[in-house]
Amino acid sequence: MDLGQTTTAAAGANIFDVSEAEFMAKVIDASHETPVILDFWAPWCGPCKTLGPALEAAVNAAGGKVKLAKINVDENQGIAGQMRVQSIPTVFAFHKGQPVDGFQGALPQSEVDAFVTKIAAMHEEDGGLSDAIEAAETMLEEGAVDDALETFAAILEEDPNAAAAFAGLAKCHVAKGDLDAAEAVLNGAPAEVATKAAIEAVQAQIALAREAESAGPVDELRAKVAAEPANMEVKLELATALHGTGDVAGAVDVLLEAVRTDRDWNDAAAKTQLFKIFDALAPNDKIALDGRRKLSSILFA
């Protein structure tokens, strides 16, 4: 029996294999109901054969408070590329559609148990704060920025370590065009949450907004690109300007074309800028998913 694979006894509602086609439904969407741990593995990976059973045992012991999705990187290279998996085993944990934690390499059973317990605890009742965060995010998406700001601030009064609330409050200030205030919010986050994915995503948004402040007009930059199609610097400035106007898909398209033209220009600056945009988007954002897939096709064609 290959211990790197889900066993018949362990498989079921809480432990399952997942493919690229099922990733959104079984990992991202499902994590809104129950936290999902995602295990990237391969049949030839020795450490995977140790970590896999350890994860399965811990998840089974959690009694349904967390799920384990196992993805074979040999059969699902697209998702591995999108998640920037550099080595295996690599483990991510998702909650409410967002990556919240993770690690690389095999760990002792005690550390695996502690990790799974921490993720499973996110399933516990939290006084309604998760619902409040979702409500505030909806307000922000619908343009009720001030209402969202007040809600995120109230959440932080209840839970001063709520990374999602710090991120949400900062995004409100970004939406109002006050980047200094957004940075001040993130600088005030406790050290234990400062590196959470939600906060790092807003940091990427702020960095992109800062860059857009010094970019030229989009129409002028388009004309320059048309006149000088090999000018990589102008292409990157156009992408920055497009992102600053809210045309994220357009910015990604320009950067993908730049990578296709000269992937190594200026220490792979176009690829680096693409990753910055992807990091600023939600993991389940269609632009990010499509962009990562196209980038992988260019790089590995």
Protein backbone atom coordinates (compact mmCIF):
# COMPACT_ATOMS: atom_id res chain seq x y z
CA MET A 1 0.00 0.00 0.00
CA ASP A 2 1.36 3.47 -0.94
CA LEU A 3 1.26 5.47 2.28
CA GLY A 4 1.53 8.70 0.27
CA GLN A 5 -1.99 8.20 -1.01
CA THR A 6 -5.30 8.43 0.78
CA THR A 7 -6.16 4.98 2.11
CA THR A 8 -9.60 3.44 1.80
CA ALA A 9 -10.05 3.56 5.56
CA ALA A 10 -9.07 7.22 5.75
CA ALA A 11 -10.98 8.38 2.70
CA GLY A 12 -14.45 9.78 3.00
CA ALA A 13 -16.25 13.04 3.61
CA ASN A 14 -13.34 14.61 5.48
CA ILE A 15 -10.36 13.23 3.49
CA PHE A 16 -10.41 13.11 -0.29
CA ASP A 17 -8.39 13.52 -3.47
CA VAL A 18 -8.96 16.68 -5.47
CA SER A 19 -8.23 17.60 -9.09
CA GLU A 20 -7.85 20.96 -10.80
CA ALA A 21 -11.45 20.79 -12.00
CA GLU A 22 -12.68 20.26 -8.44
CA PHE A 23 -10.35 22.72 -6.70
CA MET A 24 -12.75 25.66 -6.52
CA ALA A 25 -15.70 23.62 -5.25
CA LYS A 26 -13.91 21.23 -2.89
CA VAL A 27 -11.28 23.59 -1.46
CA ILE A 28 -12.08 27.30 -1.89
CA ASP A 29 -15.89 27.14 -1.73
CA ALA A 30 -15.97 24.32 0.84
CA SER A 31 -13.68 26.25 3.19
CA HIS A 32 -16.49 28.75 3.79
CA GLU A 33 -18.26 26.00 5.72
CA THR A 34 -15.34 24.01 7.17
CA PRO A 35 -11.59 24.74 7.09
CA VAL A 36 -9.79 22.74 4.39
CA ILE A 37 -6.16 21.60 4.55
CA LEU A 38 -4.62 21.10 1.10
CA ASP A 39 -1.76 18.58 0.83
CA PHE A 40 0.40 18.70 -2.32
CA TRP A 41 2.11 15.32 -2.76
CA ALA A 42 3.41 12.86 -5.37
CA PRO A 43 3.80 9.06 -5.39
CA TRP A 44 7.61 9.31 -5.71
CA CYS A 45 8.00 11.73 -2.77
CA GLY A 46 9.50 10.02 0.28
CA PRO A 47 8.56 12.67 2.90
CA CYS A 48 5.00 12.67 1.51
CA LYS A 49 4.68 9.04 2.59
CA THR A 50 5.36 10.13 6.16
CA LEU A 51 3.35 13.33 6.20
CA GLY A 52 0.26 11.97 4.43
CA PRO A 53 -0.74 9.41 7.09
CA ALA A 54 0.12 11.88 9.86
CA LEU A 55 -2.25 14.47 8.38
CA GLU A 56 -4.95 11.86 7.86
CA ALA A 57 -4.73 10.68 11.46
CA ALA A 58 -4.93 14.23 12.81
CA VAL A 59 -7.85 15.18 10.55
CA ASN A 60 -9.75 12.02 11.48
CA ALA A 61 -9.18 12.86 15.16
CA ALA A 62 -10.65 16.35 14.60
CA GLY A 63 -14.09 14.81 14.12
CA GLY A 64 -15.26 16.77 11.11
CA LYS A 65 -14.04 20.21 12.18
CA VAL A 66 -11.51 20.25 9.34
CA LYS A 67 -11.18 18.53 5.95
CA LEU A 68 -8.10 17.26 4.10
CA ALA A 69 -7.84 17.60 0.33
CA LYS A 70 -4.93 15.72 -1.29
CA ILE A 71 -3.65 16.83 -4.68
CA ASN A 72 -1.17 14.82 -6.76
CA VAL A 73 1.18 17.39 -8.33
CA ASP A 74 2.10 15.03 -11.18
CA GLU A 75 -1.53 15.00 -12.30
CA ASN A 76 -2.39 18.61 -11.42
CA GLN A 77 0.60 20.76 -12.33
CA GLY A 78 -1.56 23.80 -13.09
CA ILE A 79 -2.80 24.21 -9.53
CA ALA A 80 0.68 23.55 -8.15
CA GLY A 81 1.98 26.36 -10.37
CA GLN A 82 -0.84 28.72 -9.40
CA MET A 83 -0.13 28.13 -5.71
CA ARG A 84 3.62 28.64 -6.32
CA VAL A 85 4.50 25.23 -4.90
CA GLN A 86 8.30 24.93 -5.09
CA SER A 87 8.77 21.58 -3.33
CA ILE A 88 6.69 18.81 -1.82
CA PRO A 89 5.14 18.03 0.47
CA THR A 90 3.60 21.49 0.75
CA VAL A 91 0.52 22.10 2.87
CA PHE A 92 -1.90 25.04 2.82
CA ALA A 93 -4.90 25.67 5.05
CA PHE A 94 -7.95 27.54 3.73
CA HIS A 95 -10.69 29.20 5.74
CA LYS A 96 -13.51 31.36 4.39
CA GLY A 97 -11.99 31.07 0.91
CA GLN A 98 -8.59 32.41 1.95
CA PRO A 99 -5.22 30.73 2.68
CA VAL A 100 -4.61 31.19 6.41
CA ASP A 101 -1.56 29.04 7.16
CA GLY A 102 0.75 26.39 5.76
CA PHE A 103 4.15 24.69 5.83
CA GLN A 104 6.60 22.71 3.69
CA GLY A 105 8.23 19.36 4.38
CA ALA A 106 7.34 16.50 6.70
CA LEU A 107 6.76 17.32 10.37
CA PRO A 108 6.66 15.10 13.47
CA GLN A 109 3.20 13.81 14.36
CA SER A 110 3.04 16.14 17.38
CA GLU A 111 3.57 19.21 15.20
CA VAL A 112 1.09 17.96 12.61
CA ASP A 113 -1.47 17.42 15.38
CA ALA A 114 -0.89 20.97 16.65
CA PHE A 115 -1.28 22.42 13.15
CA VAL A 116 -4.52 20.54 12.46
CA THR A 117 -5.88 21.44 15.90
CA LYS A 118 -5.20 25.13 15.23
CA ILE A 119 -6.94 25.00 11.85
CA ALA A 120 -9.86 22.96 13.22
CA ALA A 121 -10.35 25.59 15.95
CA MET A 122 -11.35 28.03 13.23
CA HIS A 123 -14.50 25.95 12.85
CA GLU A 124 -15.55 26.73 16.41
CA GLU A 125 -18.08 29.40 17.24
CA ASP A 126 -16.42 32.83 17.33
CA GLY A 127 -19.21 35.02 18.61
CA GLY A 128 -20.34 35.80 15.08
CA LEU A 129 -17.12 37.57 14.08
CA SER A 130 -16.70 35.50 10.91
CA ASP A 131 -20.20 36.49 9.81
CA ALA A 132 -19.44 40.12 10.68
CA ILE A 133 -16.25 40.04 8.61
CA GLU A 134 -18.13 38.58 5.63
CA ALA A 135 -20.81 41.26 6.01
CA ALA A 136 -18.17 44.01 6.10
CA GLU A 137 -16.46 42.56 3.02
CA THR A 138 -19.81 42.65 1.21
CA MET A 139 -20.33 46.28 2.23
CA LEU A 140 -16.91 47.15 0.84
CA GLU A 141 -17.57 45.31 -2.43
CA GLU A 142 -20.88 47.14 -2.82
CA GLY A 143 -19.27 50.54 -2.26
CA ALA A 144 -20.48 51.19 1.30
CA VAL A 145 -16.93 51.98 2.36
CA ASP A 146 -17.71 53.98 5.51
CA ASP A 147 -20.08 51.30 6.81
CA ALA A 148 -17.48 48.62 6.12
CA LEU A 149 -14.81 50.69 7.87
CA GLU A 150 -16.95 51.05 10.98
CA THR A 151 -17.72 47.33 11.00
CA PHE A 152 -14.09 46.26 10.65
CA ALA A 153 -13.11 48.69 13.43
CA ALA A 154 -15.80 47.22 15.70
CA ILE A 155 -14.56 43.69 14.97
CA LEU A 156 -11.03 44.68 16.01
CA GLU A 157 -12.40 45.97 19.30
CA GLU A 158 -13.80 42.47 19.90
CA ASP A 159 -10.75 40.62 18.58
CA PRO A 160 -7.51 42.66 18.36
CA ASN A 161 -5.84 39.73 16.55
CA ALA A 162 -8.34 39.43 13.70
CA ALA A 163 -6.06 39.52 10.64
CA ALA A 164 -9.03 39.66 8.25
CA ALA A 165 -10.37 42.73 10.04
CA PHE A 166 -7.00 44.51 9.88
CA ALA A 167 -6.86 43.69 6.17
CA GLY A 168 -10.44 44.82 5.63
CA LEU A 169 -9.90 48.10 7.48
CA ALA A 170 -6.80 48.79 5.39
CA LYS A 171 -8.70 48.00 2.19
CA CYS A 172 -11.32 50.55 3.19
CA HIS A 173 -8.65 53.23 3.38
CA VAL A 174 -7.25 52.10 0.02
CA ALA A 175 -10.74 52.45 -1.45
CA LYS A 176 -10.91 55.99 -0.05
CA GLY A 177 -7.53 56.77 -1.62
CA ASP A 178 -5.73 57.20 1.70
CA LEU A 179 -2.73 54.90 1.33
CA ASP A 180 -0.95 56.39 4.33
CA ALA A 181 -3.88 55.47 6.58
CA ALA A 182 -3.98 51.98 5.08
CA GLU A 183 -0.30 51.46 5.82
CA ALA A 184 -0.78 52.77 9.35
CA VAL A 185 -3.50 50.17 9.95
CA LEU A 186 -1.26 47.33 8.80
CA ASN A 187 1.71 48.66 10.75
CA GLY A 188 -0.47 48.48 13.85
CA ALA A 189 -1.26 44.78 13.41
CA PRO A 190 0.24 42.50 16.10
CA ALA A 191 3.39 40.66 15.05
CA GLU A 192 1.64 37.28 15.26
CA VAL A 193 -0.80 38.22 12.47
CA ALA A 194 1.34 40.63 10.43
CA THR A 195 2.44 37.88 8.01
CA LYS A 196 -1.03 36.40 7.45
CA ALA A 197 -2.04 36.06 3.79
CA ALA A 198 -4.92 38.55 4.08
CA ILE A 199 -2.60 41.29 5.35
CA GLU A 200 0.12 40.52 2.81
CA ALA A 201 -2.49 40.78 0.05
CA VAL A 202 -3.38 44.33 1.11
CA GLN A 203 0.30 45.22 1.35
CA ALA A 204 0.60 44.17 -2.29
CA GLN A 205 -2.45 46.31 -3.16
CA ILE A 206 -0.88 49.33 -1.49
CA ALA A 207 2.43 48.79 -3.29
CA LEU A 208 0.62 48.61 -6.63
CA ALA A 209 -1.36 51.76 -5.84
CA ARG A 210 1.87 53.60 -4.93
CA GLU A 211 3.40 52.60 -8.24
CA ALA A 212 0.33 53.76 -10.15
CA GLU A 213 0.69 57.27 -8.71
CA SER A 214 3.80 57.86 -10.80
CA ALA A 215 2.61 56.12 -13.99
CA GLY A 216 1.76 58.12 -17.09
CA PRO A 217 -1.66 58.38 -18.80
CA VAL A 218 -2.91 55.07 -20.20
CA ASP A 219 -3.60 56.39 -23.71
CA GLU A 220 -0.12 57.86 -24.04
CA LEU A 221 1.48 54.67 -22.81
CA ARG A 222 -0.59 52.56 -25.23
CA ALA A 223 0.66 54.74 -28.08
CA LYS A 224 4.26 54.32 -26.91
CA VAL A 225 3.89 50.54 -26.74
CA ALA A 226 2.42 50.51 -30.25
CA ALA A 227 5.34 52.59 -31.50
CA GLU A 228 7.99 50.67 -29.55
CA PRO A 229 6.71 47.09 -29.11
CA ALA A 230 10.09 45.90 -27.84
CA ASN A 231 10.29 48.56 -25.12
CA MET A 232 9.80 46.49 -21.98
CA GLU A 233 10.00 49.45 -19.60
CA VAL A 234 7.03 51.13 -21.28
CA LYS A 235 5.06 47.88 -21.19
CA LEU A 236 5.54 47.62 -17.46
CA GLU A 237 4.55 51.25 -16.97
CA LEU A 238 1.41 50.64 -19.05
CA ALA A 239 0.53 47.64 -16.89
CA THR A 240 1.00 49.75 -13.76
CA ALA A 241 -1.20 52.52 -15.16
CA LEU A 242 -3.91 50.06 -16.19
CA HIS A 243 -3.93 48.51 -12.74
CA GLY A 244 -4.22 51.97 -11.23
CA THR A 245 -7.39 52.63 -13.25
CA GLY A 246 -8.91 49.35 -12.05
CA ASP A 247 -8.26 47.43 -15.26
CA VAL A 248 -6.58 44.49 -13.52
CA ALA A 249 -7.24 42.05 -16.36
CA GLY A 250 -5.71 44.50 -18.84
CA ALA A 251 -2.62 44.90 -16.66
CA VAL A 252 -2.20 41.13 -16.43
CA ASP A 253 -2.54 40.75 -20.22
CA VAL A 254 0.17 43.37 -20.83
CA LEU A 255 2.52 41.72 -18.35
CA LEU A 256 1.90 38.26 -19.81
CA GLU A 257 2.82 39.61 -23.23
CA ALA A 258 5.95 41.16 -21.71
CA VAL A 259 6.96 37.81 -20.22
CA ARG A 260 6.31 36.15 -23.55
CA THR A 261 8.53 38.76 -25.26
CA ASP A 262 11.45 38.64 -22.82
CA ARG A 263 10.91 36.73 -19.59
CA ASP A 264 14.39 37.55 -18.23
CA TRP A 265 14.35 41.32 -18.81
CA ASN A 266 15.48 43.31 -15.75
CA ASP A 267 15.70 40.26 -13.47
CA ALA A 268 12.30 38.93 -14.62
CA ALA A 269 10.58 42.19 -13.64
CA ALA A 270 7.40 41.41 -15.60
CA LYS A 271 6.95 38.06 -13.86
CA THR A 272 7.63 39.67 -10.48
CA GLN A 273 4.97 42.30 -11.16
CA LEU A 274 2.50 39.60 -12.15
CA PHE A 275 3.04 37.79 -8.86
CA LYS A 276 2.49 41.06 -7.02
CA ILE A 277 -0.88 41.46 -8.74
CA PHE A 278 -1.83 37.84 -8.09
CA ASP A 279 -0.88 38.21 -4.42
CA ALA A 280 -3.15 41.25 -4.16
CA LEU A 281 -6.13 39.27 -5.44
CA ALA A 282 -8.15 36.63 -3.65
CA PRO A 283 -6.93 33.05 -4.35
CA ASN A 284 -10.23 32.25 -6.05
CA ASP A 285 -10.26 35.39 -8.19
CA LYS A 286 -10.79 34.42 -11.83
CA ILE A 287 -8.18 36.92 -13.05
CA ALA A 288 -5.58 35.42 -10.72
CA LEU A 289 -6.45 31.83 -11.61
CA ASP A 290 -6.47 32.46 -15.36
CA GLY A 291 -3.34 34.61 -15.17
CA ARG A 292 -1.35 32.02 -13.23
CA ARG A 293 -2.44 29.32 -15.67
CA LYS A 294 -1.37 31.40 -18.68
CA LEU A 295 1.93 32.32 -17.03
CA SER A 296 2.66 28.64 -16.37
CA SER A 297 1.94 27.86 -20.03
CA ILE A 298 4.39 30.56 -21.16
CA LEU A 299 7.14 29.57 -18.74
CA PHE A 300 6.89 25.82 -19.23
CA ALA A 301 5.97 25.63 -22.91
